[in-house]
């Protein structure tokens, strides 16, 4: 087997995966919504898509450097072309500056991403506080005026298995294949206290 062909073919497949994961991350809902609703695409949630993108980005670096090593003689000839070097440098320098300064056409790409992400039903599924899915069930129960056992009983009556009140909503959600927001809504329906408005994070900071 030719090493050069092996490296080139792997770079091709890695590029395809990076394009796919990049597009998915570009169009998916904001992180707080994706986690709270357990958003998935092709059966994979945000965390899985993040992991894929990072993994294949790392592989791209390895195989990219390997590809440069195998094709160094050809690349060296390219580097000896003054006009090509000047044009390539200016081309990339422009996009570096445009990204930092938020110039067109880079800001078009950024604005489109924000528009796509804001098109999701953000307000409908907005979590009550940042990273609410990472809060332990017993801590959430306290916030809702319930005991840990009451919270467990409520969930189990609705067919949601809970191994321990120390589990986070994310862990319970993953095991039962149900979005964290549905767990929260079930518990909130039995609360005996007034739920703080979403903009009030003071109590959250004290207990989380």
Protein backbone atom coordinates (compact mmCIF):
# COMPACT_ATOMS: atom_id res chain seq x y z
CA UNK A 1 0.00 0.00 0.00
CA UNK A 2 1.30 3.45 -0.93
CA UNK A 3 1.71 5.73 2.09
CA UNK A 4 1.11 8.77 -0.13
CA UNK A 5 -2.23 7.36 -1.30
CA UNK A 6 -3.15 6.40 2.28
CA UNK A 7 -2.50 9.93 3.54
CA UNK A 8 -4.28 11.60 0.62
CA UNK A 9 -7.35 9.37 0.92
CA UNK A 10 -7.57 9.95 4.67
CA UNK A 11 -7.32 13.70 4.15
CA UNK A 12 -10.20 13.45 1.69
CA UNK A 13 -12.45 11.59 4.14
CA UNK A 14 -11.42 13.84 7.03
CA UNK A 15 -12.27 16.91 4.91
CA UNK A 16 -15.74 15.48 4.20
CA UNK A 17 -16.33 14.89 7.93
CA UNK A 18 -15.11 18.38 8.80
CA UNK A 19 -17.44 19.90 6.22
CA UNK A 20 -20.38 17.89 7.56
CA UNK A 21 -19.69 18.64 11.23
CA UNK A 22 -18.95 22.27 10.43
CA UNK A 23 -22.31 22.69 8.69
CA UNK A 24 -24.17 20.98 11.54
CA UNK A 25 -22.49 23.16 14.18
CA UNK A 26 -23.19 26.21 12.01
CA UNK A 27 -26.95 25.63 11.80
CA UNK A 28 -27.71 23.98 15.15
CA UNK A 29 -29.59 25.89 17.89
CA UNK A 30 -27.63 27.91 20.47
CA UNK A 31 -25.83 25.65 22.94
CA UNK A 32 -28.17 26.36 25.86
CA UNK A 33 -31.16 25.39 23.72
CA UNK A 34 -29.47 22.35 22.15
CA UNK A 35 -28.60 20.92 25.58
CA UNK A 36 -31.92 21.84 27.22
CA UNK A 37 -34.01 20.24 24.47
CA UNK A 38 -31.57 17.39 23.82
CA UNK A 39 -31.47 18.46 20.18
CA UNK A 40 -30.20 15.81 17.76
CA UNK A 41 -29.35 15.51 14.09
CA UNK A 42 -28.88 12.12 12.43
CA UNK A 43 -29.30 10.63 15.89
CA UNK A 44 -26.39 12.58 17.41
CA UNK A 45 -26.66 15.37 19.98
CA UNK A 46 -24.60 18.56 20.20
CA UNK A 47 -21.95 16.98 22.39
CA UNK A 48 -21.40 14.18 19.87
CA UNK A 49 -21.12 16.62 16.96
CA UNK A 50 -18.67 18.75 18.96
CA UNK A 51 -16.56 15.66 19.70
CA UNK A 52 -16.57 14.61 16.05
CA UNK A 53 -15.53 18.06 14.88
CA UNK A 54 -12.69 18.30 17.40
CA UNK A 55 -11.49 14.74 16.71
CA UNK A 56 -11.38 15.13 12.95
CA UNK A 57 -9.91 18.62 13.27
CA UNK A 58 -7.06 17.05 15.24
CA UNK A 59 -6.70 14.28 12.64
CA UNK A 60 -6.65 16.92 9.89
CA UNK A 61 -3.64 18.56 11.56
CA UNK A 62 -1.79 15.24 11.77
CA UNK A 63 -2.52 14.10 8.23
CA UNK A 64 -2.08 17.63 6.88
CA UNK A 65 1.45 17.83 8.29
CA UNK A 66 2.12 14.31 7.03
CA UNK A 67 0.91 15.33 3.57
CA UNK A 68 3.22 18.36 3.63
CA UNK A 69 6.14 16.11 4.56
CA UNK A 70 5.44 13.68 1.72
CA UNK A 71 5.02 16.49 -0.80
CA UNK A 72 7.68 18.86 0.49
CA UNK A 73 9.63 19.02 -2.79
CA UNK A 74 6.55 20.11 -4.71
CA UNK A 75 5.57 22.56 -1.99
CA UNK A 76 9.10 23.99 -1.99
CA UNK A 77 8.80 24.74 -5.70
CA UNK A 78 5.56 26.58 -4.99
CA UNK A 79 7.30 28.60 -2.28
CA UNK A 80 9.91 29.75 -4.80
CA UNK A 81 7.23 31.46 -6.88
CA UNK A 82 7.28 35.05 -5.65
CA UNK A 83 4.01 36.07 -7.30
CA UNK A 84 2.20 33.04 -5.90
CA UNK A 85 3.54 33.65 -2.40
CA UNK A 86 2.53 37.32 -2.46
CA UNK A 87 -0.97 36.56 -3.73
CA UNK A 88 -1.51 33.68 -1.27
CA UNK A 89 -0.24 35.74 1.66
CA UNK A 90 -2.43 38.71 0.82
CA UNK A 91 -5.44 36.45 0.26
CA UNK A 92 -5.14 34.83 3.67
CA UNK A 93 -4.13 38.06 5.39
CA UNK A 94 -7.30 39.69 4.14
CA UNK A 95 -9.49 37.00 5.70
CA UNK A 96 -7.55 37.14 8.95
CA UNK A 97 -8.08 40.91 9.21
CA UNK A 98 -11.69 40.65 7.98
CA UNK A 99 -12.43 38.06 10.69
CA UNK A 100 -10.92 40.26 13.41
CA UNK A 101 -12.55 43.47 12.15
CA UNK A 102 -15.82 41.78 11.17
CA UNK A 103 -15.62 43.02 7.59
CA UNK A 104 -17.52 41.69 4.57
CA UNK A 105 -17.73 38.97 3.41
CA UNK A 106 -16.83 37.42 6.77
CA UNK A 107 -19.55 39.32 8.66
CA UNK A 108 -22.08 38.00 6.12
CA UNK A 109 -21.19 34.47 7.20
CA UNK A 110 -21.35 35.37 10.90
CA UNK A 111 -24.63 37.24 10.54
CA UNK A 112 -26.18 34.37 8.61
CA UNK A 113 -25.18 31.95 11.38
CA UNK A 114 -26.81 34.18 14.00
CA UNK A 115 -29.92 34.47 11.86
CA UNK A 116 -30.17 30.69 11.49
CA UNK A 117 -29.60 30.06 15.20
CA UNK A 118 -32.12 32.75 16.19
CA UNK A 119 -34.70 31.17 13.88
CA UNK A 120 -35.03 28.25 16.29
CA UNK A 121 -37.79 28.52 18.91
CA UNK A 122 -35.41 29.98 21.46
CA UNK A 123 -37.96 31.55 23.82
CA UNK A 124 -40.18 28.48 23.89
CA UNK A 125 -37.37 26.21 25.07
CA UNK A 126 -35.21 28.70 26.94
CA UNK A 127 -33.77 27.12 30.12
CA UNK A 128 -34.72 28.78 33.44
CA UNK A 129 -31.03 29.52 34.15
CA UNK A 130 -27.68 28.87 32.43
CA UNK A 131 -26.73 25.18 32.11
CA UNK A 132 -29.83 24.08 34.00
CA UNK A 133 -29.33 20.58 32.63
CA UNK A 134 -26.19 20.24 34.78
CA UNK A 135 -28.05 20.87 38.03
CA UNK A 136 -28.51 17.83 40.30
CA UNK A 137 -32.10 16.69 40.79
CA UNK A 138 -31.99 17.27 44.56
CA UNK A 139 -30.72 20.83 44.05
CA UNK A 140 -33.46 21.50 41.50
CA UNK A 141 -36.04 20.08 43.89
CA UNK A 142 -34.97 22.60 46.56
CA UNK A 143 -35.38 25.43 44.04
CA UNK A 144 -38.91 24.22 43.30
CA UNK A 145 -39.89 23.76 46.94
CA UNK A 146 -39.90 19.96 46.74
CA UNK A 147 -38.04 17.31 48.67
CA UNK A 148 -35.62 15.04 46.84
CA UNK A 149 -37.93 12.06 47.34
CA UNK A 150 -40.93 13.99 46.05
CA UNK A 151 -39.00 14.88 42.90
CA UNK A 152 -37.96 11.25 42.39
CA UNK A 153 -41.54 10.04 42.93
CA UNK A 154 -42.95 12.55 40.44
CA UNK A 155 -40.52 11.46 37.74
CA UNK A 156 -40.95 7.74 38.38
CA UNK A 157 -44.75 8.07 38.24
CA UNK A 158 -44.23 9.46 34.76
CA UNK A 159 -42.02 6.55 33.70
CA UNK A 160 -38.69 8.34 34.18
CA UNK A 161 -36.10 6.19 35.95
CA UNK A 162 -33.91 7.90 38.54
CA UNK A 163 -30.98 6.05 40.10
CA UNK A 164 -30.12 8.79 42.58
CA UNK A 165 -31.35 12.30 43.44
CA UNK A 166 -27.71 13.37 43.05
CA UNK A 167 -27.93 12.74 39.30
CA UNK A 168 -28.04 15.77 37.03
CA UNK A 169 -30.93 16.44 34.70
CA UNK A 170 -28.56 15.72 31.82
CA UNK A 171 -27.76 12.25 33.16
CA UNK A 172 -31.42 11.43 33.79
CA UNK A 173 -32.30 12.81 30.38
CA UNK A 174 -29.73 10.70 28.58
CA UNK A 175 -30.71 7.45 30.27
CA UNK A 176 -34.44 7.97 29.70
CA UNK A 177 -34.09 9.51 26.23
CA UNK A 178 -36.12 12.56 27.22
CA UNK A 179 -35.15 16.25 26.95
CA UNK A 180 -34.14 17.95 30.23
CA UNK A 181 -36.80 20.61 29.72
CA UNK A 182 -39.56 17.98 29.94
CA UNK A 183 -38.17 16.76 33.27
CA UNK A 184 -38.14 20.34 34.51
CA UNK A 185 -41.70 20.98 33.31
CA UNK A 186 -42.95 17.86 35.13
CA UNK A 187 -41.41 19.01 38.39
CA UNK A 188 -42.42 22.64 37.93
CA UNK A 189 -46.05 21.57 37.64
CA UNK A 190 -45.86 20.38 41.27
CA UNK A 191 -43.94 23.33 42.72
CA UNK A 192 -45.23 25.07 45.80
CA UNK A 193 -43.23 28.25 45.34
CA UNK A 194 -43.09 31.08 42.87
CA UNK A 195 -40.60 30.37 40.07
CA UNK A 196 -38.04 33.23 39.69
CA UNK A 197 -38.06 34.96 36.35
CA UNK A 198 -35.47 33.75 33.85
CA UNK A 199 -33.46 36.92 34.09
CA UNK A 200 -32.87 36.44 37.82
CA UNK A 201 -29.73 34.35 38.28
CA UNK A 202 -28.83 35.44 41.80
CA UNK A 203 -30.26 32.37 43.53
CA UNK A 204 -28.70 30.12 40.93
CA UNK A 205 -25.25 31.49 41.57
CA UNK A 206 -25.56 30.77 45.29
CA UNK A 207 -26.56 27.13 44.92
CA UNK A 208 -24.76 25.99 41.78
